[in-house]
Amino acid sequence: MSVLRKPEVSAKFIKHYVGAHADFGELELDDKDPRHAMIQRHNPRKLRPVLVFLDSQGKEVARLTGGLKSAEDALLLDRFVSEKHYRKSDFSSFKAAQRG
């Protein structure tokens, strides 16, 4: 089961975020396509999976590349974003501090 589908994780993510799924892995766009700039901004190397969190103005506030390995990591990521810890630190540092 995907970490994001675990009930304790999905409840938090549904409460705090509007989710959107996009798979750009096979998409070939020329430089003139307006979608190209958006993809380049949010995932320039076409890495998968990538979770990108935007604030209400559309500014990126957090990014996780490589997916989540556990429900504990997902819940920490939720706290990191929803409690705005990104203003002071990156997710790796936040996670290390929480685990002592």
PDB file of N, CA and C in Angstrom:
ATOM      1  N   MET A   1       0.848  -1.188   0.000  1.00  0.00           N
ATOM      2  CA  MET A   1       0.000   0.000   0.000  1.00  0.00           C
ATOM      3  C   MET A   1       0.890   1.245   0.000  1.00  0.00           C
ATOM      4  N   SER A   2       0.556   2.182  -0.853  1.00  0.00           N
ATOM      5  CA  SER A   2       1.269   3.456  -0.908  1.00  0.00           C
ATOM      6  C   SER A   2       1.147   4.168   0.431  1.00  0.00           C
ATOM      7  N   VAL A   3       2.205   4.818   0.848  1.00  0.00           N
ATOM      8  CA  VAL A   3       2.204   5.555   2.114  1.00  0.00           C
ATOM      9  C   VAL A   3       1.084   6.592   2.137  1.00  0.00           C
ATOM     10  N   LEU A   4       0.864   7.273   1.023  1.00  0.00           N
ATOM     11  CA  LEU A   4      -0.161   8.316   0.979  1.00  0.00           C
ATOM     12  C   LEU A   4      -1.580   7.753   1.084  1.00  0.00           C
ATOM     13  N   ARG A   5      -1.751   6.469   0.881  1.00  0.00           N
ATOM     14  CA  ARG A   5      -3.086   5.854   0.980  1.00  0.00           C
ATOM     15  C   ARG A   5      -3.383   5.294   2.360  1.00  0.00           C
ATOM     16  N   LYS A   6      -2.410   5.314   3.246  1.00  0.00           N
ATOM     17  CA  LYS A   6      -2.660   4.846   4.608  1.00  0.00           C
ATOM     18  C   LYS A   6      -3.634   5.809   5.267  1.00  0.00           C
ATOM     19  N   PRO A   7      -4.636   5.290   5.973  1.00  0.00           N
ATOM     20  CA  PRO A   7      -5.702   6.152   6.517  1.00  0.00           C
ATOM     21  C   PRO A   7      -5.210   7.326   7.356  1.00  0.00           C
ATOM     22  N   GLU A   8      -4.222   7.092   8.219  1.00  0.00           N
ATOM     23  CA  GLU A   8      -3.742   8.178   9.075  1.00  0.00           C
ATOM     24  C   GLU A   8      -3.034   9.274   8.277  1.00  0.00           C
ATOM     25  N   VAL A   9      -2.432   8.903   7.160  1.00  0.00           N
ATOM     26  CA  VAL A   9      -1.747   9.874   6.298  1.00  0.00           C
ATOM     27  C   VAL A   9      -2.756  10.590   5.408  1.00  0.00           C
ATOM     28  N   SER A  10      -3.617   9.824   4.751  1.00  0.00           N
ATOM     29  CA  SER A  10      -4.563  10.455   3.830  1.00  0.00           C
ATOM     30  C   SER A  10      -5.496  11.422   4.557  1.00  0.00           C
ATOM     31  N   ALA A  11      -5.862  11.119   5.804  1.00  0.00           N
ATOM     32  CA  ALA A  11      -6.726  12.025   6.568  1.00  0.00           C
ATOM     33  C   ALA A  11      -6.063  13.385   6.748  1.00  0.00           C
ATOM     34  N   LYS A  12      -4.780  13.392   7.079  1.00  0.00           N
ATOM     35  CA  LYS A  12      -4.047  14.659   7.259  1.00  0.00           C
ATOM     36  C   LYS A  12      -3.887  15.395   5.928  1.00  0.00           C
ATOM     37  N   PHE A  13      -3.491  14.673   4.889  1.00  0.00           N
ATOM     38  CA  PHE A  13      -3.234  15.319   3.606  1.00  0.00           C
ATOM     39  C   PHE A  13      -4.528  15.858   2.995  1.00  0.00           C
ATOM     40  N   ILE A  14      -5.629  15.136   3.136  1.00  0.00           N
ATOM     41  CA  ILE A  14      -6.920  15.612   2.616  1.00  0.00           C
ATOM     42  C   ILE A  14      -7.360  16.862   3.363  1.00  0.00           C
ATOM     43  N   LYS A  15      -7.104  16.893   4.666  1.00  0.00           N
ATOM     44  CA  LYS A  15      -7.489  18.038   5.492  1.00  0.00           C
ATOM     45  C   LYS A  15      -6.695  19.292   5.137  1.00  0.00           C
ATOM     46  N   HIS A  16      -5.388  19.137   4.861  1.00  0.00           N
ATOM     47  CA  HIS A  16      -4.513  20.295   4.714  1.00  0.00           C
ATOM     48  C   HIS A  16      -4.194  20.713   3.277  1.00  0.00           C
ATOM     49  N   TYR A  17      -4.412  19.848   2.296  1.00  0.00           N
ATOM     50  CA  TYR A  17      -3.922  20.140   0.942  1.00  0.00           C
ATOM     51  C   TYR A  17      -4.960  19.814  -0.133  1.00  0.00           C
ATOM     52  N   VAL A  18      -4.807  20.489  -1.239  1.00  0.00           N
ATOM     53  CA  VAL A  18      -5.532  20.136  -2.452  1.00  0.00           C
ATOM     54  C   VAL A  18      -4.515  19.392  -3.306  1.00  0.00           C
ATOM     55  N   GLY A  19      -4.807  18.164  -3.611  1.00  0.00           N
ATOM     56  CA  GLY A  19      -3.850  17.338  -4.335  1.00  0.00           C
ATOM     57  C   GLY A  19      -4.110  17.333  -5.832  1.00  0.00           C
ATOM     58  N   ALA A  20      -3.036  17.204  -6.563  1.00  0.00           N
ATOM     59  CA  ALA A  20      -3.118  17.053  -8.014  1.00  0.00           C
ATOM     60  C   ALA A  20      -2.025  16.074  -8.428  1.00  0.00           C
ATOM     61  N   HIS A  21      -2.342  15.195  -9.325  1.00  0.00           N
ATOM     62  CA  HIS A  21      -1.381  14.214  -9.819  1.00  0.00           C
ATOM     63  C   HIS A  21      -1.068  14.530 -11.267  1.00  0.00           C
ATOM     64  N   ALA A  22       0.201  14.528 -11.578  1.00  0.00           N
ATOM     65  CA  ALA A  22       0.615  14.728 -12.968  1.00  0.00           C
ATOM     66  C   ALA A  22       1.831  13.849 -13.227  1.00  0.00           C
ATOM     67  N   ASP A  23       1.838  13.161 -14.346  1.00  0.00           N
ATOM     68  CA  ASP A  23       2.984  12.354 -14.740  1.00  0.00           C
ATOM     69  C   ASP A  23       3.543  12.938 -16.028  1.00  0.00           C
ATOM     70  N   PHE A  24       4.673  13.618 -15.889  1.00  0.00           N
ATOM     71  CA  PHE A  24       5.297  14.275 -17.030  1.00  0.00           C
ATOM     72  C   PHE A  24       6.433  13.446 -17.624  1.00  0.00           C
ATOM     73  N   GLY A  25       6.609  12.242 -17.128  1.00  0.00           N
ATOM     74  CA  GLY A  25       7.735  11.417 -17.543  1.00  0.00           C
ATOM     75  C   GLY A  25       7.813  11.151 -19.028  1.00  0.00           C
ATOM     76  N   GLU A  26       6.695  10.966 -19.680  1.00  0.00           N
ATOM     77  CA  GLU A  26       6.692  10.651 -21.100  1.00  0.00           C
ATOM     78  C   GLU A  26       6.316  11.844 -21.971  1.00  0.00           C
ATOM     79  N   LEU A  27       6.079  12.982 -21.356  1.00  0.00           N
ATOM     80  CA  LEU A  27       5.611  14.152 -22.082  1.00  0.00           C
ATOM     81  C   LEU A  27       6.769  14.852 -22.772  1.00  0.00           C
ATOM     82  N   GLU A  28       6.643  15.040 -24.049  1.00  0.00           N
ATOM     83  CA  GLU A  28       7.648  15.760 -24.829  1.00  0.00           C
ATOM     84  C   GLU A  28       7.056  17.093 -25.266  1.00  0.00           C
ATOM     85  N   LEU A  29       7.609  18.180 -24.756  1.00  0.00           N
ATOM     86  CA  LEU A  29       7.111  19.513 -25.096  1.00  0.00           C
ATOM     87  C   LEU A  29       8.229  20.334 -25.723  1.00  0.00           C
ATOM     88  N   ASP A  30       7.869  21.145 -26.711  1.00  0.00           N
ATOM     89  CA  ASP A  30       8.884  22.049 -27.240  1.00  0.00           C
ATOM     90  C   ASP A  30       8.915  23.304 -26.363  1.00  0.00           C
ATOM     91  N   ASP A  31       9.947  24.095 -26.522  1.00  0.00           N
ATOM     92  CA  ASP A  31      10.153  25.273 -25.675  1.00  0.00           C
ATOM     93  C   ASP A  31       9.047  26.314 -25.790  1.00  0.00           C
ATOM     94  N   LYS A  32       8.262  26.273 -26.857  1.00  0.00           N
ATOM     95  CA  LYS A  32       7.199  27.255 -27.053  1.00  0.00           C
ATOM     96  C   LYS A  32       5.895  26.879 -26.355  1.00  0.00           C
ATOM     97  N   ASP A  33       5.784  25.629 -25.930  1.00  0.00           N
ATOM     98  CA  ASP A  33       4.567  25.186 -25.238  1.00  0.00           C
ATOM     99  C   ASP A  33       4.553  25.801 -23.839  1.00  0.00           C
ATOM    100  N   PRO A  34       3.471  26.483 -23.446  1.00  0.00           N
ATOM    101  CA  PRO A  34       3.436  27.129 -22.127  1.00  0.00           C
ATOM    102  C   PRO A  34       3.571  26.153 -20.959  1.00  0.00           C
ATOM    103  N   ARG A  35       3.232  24.896 -21.181  1.00  0.00           N
ATOM    104  CA  ARG A  35       3.380  23.900 -20.103  1.00  0.00           C
ATOM    105  C   ARG A  35       4.843  23.598 -19.816  1.00  0.00           C
ATOM    106  N   HIS A  36       5.702  23.816 -20.804  1.00  0.00           N
ATOM    107  CA  HIS A  36       7.123  23.534 -20.648  1.00  0.00           C
ATOM    108  C   HIS A  36       7.734  24.339 -19.499  1.00  0.00           C
ATOM    109  N   ALA A  37       7.403  25.624 -19.410  1.00  0.00           N
ATOM    110  CA  ALA A  37       7.952  26.484 -18.353  1.00  0.00           C
ATOM    111  C   ALA A  37       7.499  25.997 -16.978  1.00  0.00           C
ATOM    112  N   MET A  38       6.245  25.602 -16.859  1.00  0.00           N
ATOM    113  CA  MET A  38       5.730  25.118 -15.578  1.00  0.00           C
ATOM    114  C   MET A  38       6.442  23.827 -15.166  1.00  0.00           C
ATOM    115  N   ILE A  39       6.619  22.922 -16.104  1.00  0.00           N
ATOM    116  CA  ILE A  39       7.290  21.662 -15.801  1.00  0.00           C
ATOM    117  C   ILE A  39       8.747  21.923 -15.441  1.00  0.00           C
ATOM    118  N   GLN A  40       9.408  22.773 -16.183  1.00  0.00           N
ATOM    119  CA  GLN A  40      10.802  23.100 -15.898  1.00  0.00           C
ATOM    120  C   GLN A  40      10.942  23.729 -14.518  1.00  0.00           C
ATOM    121  N   ARG A  41       9.986  24.547 -14.116  1.00  0.00           N
ATOM    122  CA  ARG A  41      10.050  25.219 -12.816  1.00  0.00           C
ATOM    123  C   ARG A  41       9.871  24.219 -11.679  1.00  0.00           C
ATOM    124  N   HIS A  42       8.945  23.288 -11.812  1.00  0.00           N
ATOM    125  CA  HIS A  42       8.622  22.389 -10.712  1.00  0.00           C
ATOM    126  C   HIS A  42       9.372  21.062 -10.733  1.00  0.00           C
ATOM    127  N   ASN A  43       9.870  20.650 -11.883  1.00  0.00           N
ATOM    128  CA  ASN A  43      10.573  19.369 -11.960  1.00  0.00           C
ATOM    129  C   ASN A  43      11.531  19.383 -13.153  1.00  0.00           C
ATOM    130  N   PRO A  44      12.591  20.180 -13.074  1.00  0.00           N
ATOM    131  CA  PRO A  44      13.463  20.379 -14.233  1.00  0.00           C
ATOM    132  C   PRO A  44      14.157  19.125 -14.737  1.00  0.00           C
ATOM    133  N   ARG A  45      14.401  18.155 -13.875  1.00  0.00           N
ATOM    134  CA  ARG A  45      15.110  16.953 -14.309  1.00  0.00           C
ATOM    135  C   ARG A  45      14.185  15.770 -14.517  1.00  0.00           C
ATOM    136  N   LYS A  46      12.870  16.001 -14.462  1.00  0.00           N
ATOM    137  CA  LYS A  46      11.865  14.946 -14.653  1.00  0.00           C
ATOM    138  C   LYS A  46      12.061  13.786 -13.684  1.00  0.00           C
ATOM    139  N   LEU A  47      12.365  14.125 -12.431  1.00  0.00           N
ATOM    140  CA  LEU A  47      12.495  13.103 -11.405  1.00  0.00           C
ATOM    141  C   LEU A  47      11.113  12.663 -10.949  1.00  0.00           C
ATOM    142  N   ARG A  48      10.987  11.393 -10.561  1.00  0.00           N
ATOM    143  CA  ARG A  48       9.704  10.899 -10.076  1.00  0.00           C
ATOM    144  C   ARG A  48       9.934  10.025  -8.871  1.00  0.00           C
ATOM    145  N   PRO A  49       9.093   9.995  -7.923  1.00  0.00           N
ATOM    146  CA  PRO A  49       8.012  10.948  -7.694  1.00  0.00           C
ATOM    147  C   PRO A  49       8.530  12.228  -7.043  1.00  0.00           C
ATOM    148  N   VAL A  50       7.781  13.284  -7.217  1.00  0.00           N
ATOM    149  CA  VAL A  50       8.092  14.570  -6.605  1.00  0.00           C
ATOM    150  C   VAL A  50       6.804  15.105  -5.981  1.00  0.00           C
ATOM    151  N   LEU A  51       6.883  15.483  -4.718  1.00  0.00           N
ATOM    152  CA  LEU A  51       5.774  16.165  -4.059  1.00  0.00           C
ATOM    153  C   LEU A  51       6.170  17.628  -3.939  1.00  0.00           C
ATOM    154  N   VAL A  52       5.346  18.503  -4.483  1.00  0.00           N
ATOM    155  CA  VAL A  52       5.599  19.938  -4.432  1.00  0.00           C
ATOM    156  C   VAL A  52       4.444  20.585  -3.682  1.00  0.00           C
ATOM    157  N   PHE A  53       4.769  21.419  -2.718  1.00  0.00           N
ATOM    158  CA  PHE A  53       3.763  22.123  -1.927  1.00  0.00           C
ATOM    159  C   PHE A  53       3.839  23.605  -2.255  1.00  0.00           C
ATOM    160  N   LEU A  54       2.690  24.172  -2.604  1.00  0.00           N
ATOM    161  CA  LEU A  54       2.590  25.586  -2.952  1.00  0.00           C
ATOM    162  C   LEU A  54       1.744  26.299  -1.914  1.00  0.00           C
ATOM    163  N   ASP A  55       2.074  27.576  -1.657  1.00  0.00           N
ATOM    164  CA  ASP A  55       1.218  28.346  -0.751  1.00  0.00           C
ATOM    165  C   ASP A  55       0.034  28.905  -1.533  1.00  0.00           C
ATOM    166  N   SER A  56      -0.784  29.700  -0.882  1.00  0.00           N
ATOM    167  CA  SER A  56      -2.012  30.187  -1.526  1.00  0.00           C
ATOM    168  C   SER A  56      -1.738  31.142  -2.683  1.00  0.00           C
ATOM    169  N   GLN A  57      -0.510  31.668  -2.776  1.00  0.00           N
ATOM    170  CA  GLN A  57      -0.143  32.529  -3.899  1.00  0.00           C
ATOM    171  C   GLN A  57       0.558  31.752  -5.019  1.00  0.00           C
ATOM    172  N   GLY A  58       0.689  30.451  -4.863  1.00  0.00           N
ATOM    173  CA  GLY A  58       1.328  29.628  -5.879  1.00  0.00           C
ATOM    174  C   GLY A  58       2.839  29.554  -5.748  1.00  0.00           C
ATOM    175  N   LYS A  59       3.397  30.068  -4.655  1.00  0.00           N
ATOM    176  CA  LYS A  59       4.843  30.016  -4.425  1.00  0.00           C
ATOM    177  C   LYS A  59       5.202  28.665  -3.812  1.00  0.00           C
ATOM    178  N   GLU A  60       6.237  28.035  -4.340  1.00  0.00           N
ATOM    179  CA  GLU A  60       6.676  26.756  -3.807  1.00  0.00           C
ATOM    180  C   GLU A  60       7.270  26.967  -2.411  1.00  0.00           C
ATOM    181  N   VAL A  61       6.791  26.171  -1.449  1.00  0.00           N
ATOM    182  CA  VAL A  61       7.297  26.278  -0.077  1.00  0.00           C
ATOM    183  C   VAL A  61       8.024  25.015   0.369  1.00  0.00           C
ATOM    184  N   ALA A  62       7.765  23.909  -0.284  1.00  0.00           N
ATOM    185  CA  ALA A  62       8.448  22.663   0.075  1.00  0.00           C
ATOM    186  C   ALA A  62       8.416  21.713  -1.109  1.00  0.00           C
ATOM    187  N   ARG A  63       9.425  20.837  -1.148  1.00  0.00           N
ATOM    188  CA  ARG A  63       9.545  19.846  -2.218  1.00  0.00           C
ATOM    189  C   ARG A  63      10.189  18.597  -1.637  1.00  0.00           C
ATOM    190  N   LEU A  64       9.664  17.460  -2.014  1.00  0.00           N
ATOM    191  CA  LEU A  64      10.265  16.189  -1.635  1.00  0.00           C
ATOM    192  C   LEU A  64      10.411  15.357  -2.898  1.00  0.00           C
ATOM    193  N   THR A  65      11.640  14.985  -3.186  1.00  0.00           N
ATOM    194  CA  THR A  65      11.929  14.163  -4.360  1.00  0.00           C
ATOM    195  C   THR A  65      12.273  12.755  -3.888  1.00  0.00           C
ATOM    196  N   GLY A  66      11.671  11.777  -4.508  1.00  0.00           N
ATOM    197  CA  GLY A  66      11.996  10.403  -4.188  1.00  0.00           C
ATOM    198  C   GLY A  66      10.933   9.675  -3.395  1.00  0.00           C
ATOM    199  N   GLY A  67       9.871  10.357  -3.060  1.00  0.00           N
ATOM    200  CA  GLY A  67       8.769   9.693  -2.383  1.00  0.00           C
ATOM    201  C   GLY A  67       8.966   9.556  -0.890  1.00  0.00           C
ATOM    202  N   LEU A  68       7.957   9.004  -0.258  1.00  0.00           N
ATOM    203  CA  LEU A  68       7.933   8.809   1.189  1.00  0.00           C
ATOM    204  C   LEU A  68       8.101   7.333   1.496  1.00  0.00           C
ATOM    205  N   LYS A  69       8.939   7.039   2.452  1.00  0.00           N
ATOM    206  CA  LYS A  69       9.230   5.647   2.766  1.00  0.00           C
ATOM    207  C   LYS A  69       8.353   5.082   3.876  1.00  0.00           C
ATOM    208  N   SER A  70       7.738   5.966   4.686  1.00  0.00           N
ATOM    209  CA  SER A  70       6.930   5.475   5.802  1.00  0.00           C
ATOM    210  C   SER A  70       5.831   6.478   6.132  1.00  0.00           C
ATOM    211  N   ALA A  71       4.826   5.993   6.845  1.00  0.00           N
ATOM    212  CA  ALA A  71       3.752   6.874   7.317  1.00  0.00           C
ATOM    213  C   ALA A  71       4.322   7.918   8.268  1.00  0.00           C
ATOM    214  N   GLU A  72       5.300   7.545   9.070  1.00  0.00           N
ATOM    215  CA  GLU A  72       5.935   8.495  10.001  1.00  0.00           C
ATOM    216  C   GLU A  72       6.548   9.662   9.222  1.00  0.00           C
ATOM    217  N   ASP A  73       7.256   9.369   8.129  1.00  0.00           N
ATOM    218  CA  ASP A  73       7.829  10.432   7.293  1.00  0.00           C
ATOM    219  C   ASP A  73       6.735  11.313   6.697  1.00  0.00           C
ATOM    220  N   ALA A  74       5.647  10.701   6.247  1.00  0.00           N
ATOM    221  CA  ALA A  74       4.543  11.463   5.651  1.00  0.00           C
ATOM    222  C   ALA A  74       3.913  12.398   6.674  1.00  0.00           C
ATOM    223  N   LEU A  75       3.731  11.916   7.888  1.00  0.00           N
ATOM    224  CA  LEU A  75       3.138  12.747   8.934  1.00  0.00           C
ATOM    225  C   LEU A  75       4.081  13.867   9.358  1.00  0.00           C
ATOM    226  N   LEU A  76       5.384  13.604   9.348  1.00  0.00           N
ATOM    227  CA  LEU A  76       6.360  14.669   9.618  1.00  0.00           C
ATOM    228  C   LEU A  76       6.345  15.708   8.504  1.00  0.00           C
ATOM    229  N   LEU A  77       6.225  15.255   7.263  1.00  0.00           N
ATOM    230  CA  LEU A  77       6.146  16.185   6.145  1.00  0.00           C
ATOM    231  C   LEU A  77       4.898  17.061   6.258  1.00  0.00           C
ATOM    232  N   ASP A  78       3.789  16.457   6.659  1.00  0.00           N
ATOM    233  CA  ASP A  78       2.570  17.235   6.872  1.00  0.00           C
ATOM    234  C   ASP A  78       2.806  18.313   7.926  1.00  0.00           C
ATOM    235  N   ARG A  79       3.410  17.960   9.049  1.00  0.00           N
ATOM    236  CA  ARG A  79       3.704  18.949  10.093  1.00  0.00           C
ATOM    237  C   ARG A  79       4.650  20.027   9.569  1.00  0.00           C
ATOM    238  N   PHE A  80       5.677  19.618   8.837  1.00  0.00           N
ATOM    239  CA  PHE A  80       6.664  20.556   8.291  1.00  0.00           C
ATOM    240  C   PHE A  80       5.987  21.628   7.446  1.00  0.00           C
ATOM    241  N   VAL A  81       5.047  21.205   6.595  1.00  0.00           N
ATOM    242  CA  VAL A  81       4.375  22.156   5.700  1.00  0.00           C
ATOM    243  C   VAL A  81       3.232  22.872   6.413  1.00  0.00           C
ATOM    244  N   SER A  82       2.337  22.141   7.058  1.00  0.00           N
ATOM    245  CA  SER A  82       1.143  22.766   7.637  1.00  0.00           C
ATOM    246  C   SER A  82       1.477  23.704   8.795  1.00  0.00           C
ATOM    247  N   GLU A  83       2.563  23.416   9.528  1.00  0.00           N
ATOM    248  CA  GLU A  83       2.976  24.290  10.626  1.00  0.00           C
ATOM    249  C   GLU A  83       4.024  25.324  10.187  1.00  0.00           C
ATOM    250  N   LYS A  84       4.306  25.354   8.887  1.00  0.00           N
ATOM    251  CA  LYS A  84       5.201  26.327   8.251  1.00  0.00           C
ATOM    252  C   LYS A  84       6.638  26.305   8.784  1.00  0.00           C
ATOM    253  N   HIS A  85       7.123  25.115   9.104  1.00  0.00           N
ATOM    254  CA  HIS A  85       8.511  24.970   9.536  1.00  0.00           C
ATOM    255  C   HIS A  85       9.478  25.255   8.386  1.00  0.00           C
ATOM    256  N   TYR A  86       8.990  25.224   7.147  1.00  0.00           N
ATOM    257  CA  TYR A  86       9.828  25.522   5.984  1.00  0.00           C
ATOM    258  C   TYR A  86      10.387  26.942   6.040  1.00  0.00           C
ATOM    259  N   ARG A  87       9.796  27.800   6.831  1.00  0.00           N
ATOM    260  CA  ARG A  87      10.302  29.173   6.961  1.00  0.00           C
ATOM    261  C   ARG A  87      11.649  29.210   7.681  1.00  0.00           C
ATOM    262  N   LYS A  88      11.932  28.183   8.490  1.00  0.00           N
ATOM    263  CA  LYS A  88      13.146  28.179   9.308  1.00  0.00           C
ATOM    264  C   LYS A  88      14.159  27.115   8.899  1.00  0.00           C
ATOM    265  N   SER A  89      13.721  26.076   8.195  1.00  0.00           N
ATOM    266  CA  SER A  89      14.609  24.948   7.962  1.00  0.00           C
ATOM    267  C   SER A  89      14.168  24.162   6.738  1.00  0.00           C
ATOM    268  N   ASP A  90      14.990  23.196   6.342  1.00  0.00           N
ATOM    269  CA  ASP A  90      14.573  22.293   5.277  1.00  0.00           C
ATOM    270  C   ASP A  90      14.013  21.023   5.919  1.00  0.00           C
ATOM    271  N   PHE A  91      13.368  20.201   5.118  1.00  0.00           N
ATOM    272  CA  PHE A  91      12.679  19.032   5.666  1.00  0.00           C
ATOM    273  C   PHE A  91      13.649  18.039   6.296  1.00  0.00           C
ATOM    274  N   SER A  92      14.797  17.831   5.687  1.00  0.00           N
ATOM    275  CA  SER A  92      15.769  16.876   6.248  1.00  0.00           C
ATOM    276  C   SER A  92      16.208  17.286   7.651  1.00  0.00           C
ATOM    277  N   SER A  93      16.494  18.565   7.837  1.00  0.00           N
ATOM    278  CA  SER A  93      16.895  19.063   9.156  1.00  0.00           C
ATOM    279  C   SER A  93      15.749  18.962  10.150  1.00  0.00           C
ATOM    280  N   PHE A  94      14.555  19.297   9.710  1.00  0.00           N
ATOM    281  CA  PHE A  94      13.372  19.211  10.577  1.00  0.00           C
ATOM    282  C   PHE A  94      13.159  17.765  11.030  1.00  0.00           C
ATOM    283  N   LYS A  95      13.248  16.840  10.078  1.00  0.00           N
ATOM    284  CA  LYS A  95      13.037  15.425  10.383  1.00  0.00           C
ATOM    285  C   LYS A  95      14.083  14.928  11.378  1.00  0.00           C
ATOM    286  N   ALA A  96      15.335  15.298  11.174  1.00  0.00           N
ATOM    287  CA  ALA A  96      16.404  14.871  12.090  1.00  0.00           C
ATOM    288  C   ALA A  96      16.177  15.430  13.494  1.00  0.00           C
ATOM    289  N   ALA A  97      15.750  16.669  13.589  1.00  0.00           N
ATOM    290  CA  ALA A  97      15.511  17.299  14.890  1.00  0.00           C
ATOM    291  C   ALA A  97      14.341  16.623  15.615  1.00  0.00           C
ATOM    292  N   GLN A  98      13.323  16.217  14.872  1.00  0.00           N
ATOM    293  CA  GLN A  98      12.153  15.576  15.485  1.00  0.00           C
ATOM    294  C   GLN A  98      12.471  14.188  15.995  1.00  0.00           C
ATOM    295  N   ARG A  99      13.398  13.546  15.351  1.00  0.00           N
ATOM    296  CA  ARG A  99      13.753  12.178  15.751  1.00  0.00           C
ATOM    297  C   ARG A  99      14.841  12.143  16.807  1.00  0.00           C
ATOM    298  N   GLY A 100      15.368  13.330  17.122  1.00  0.00           N
ATOM    299  CA  GLY A 100      16.348  13.455  18.212  1.00  0.00           C
ATOM    300  C   GLY A 100      17.682  13.011  17.833  1.00  0.00           C
TER     301      GLY A 100
END
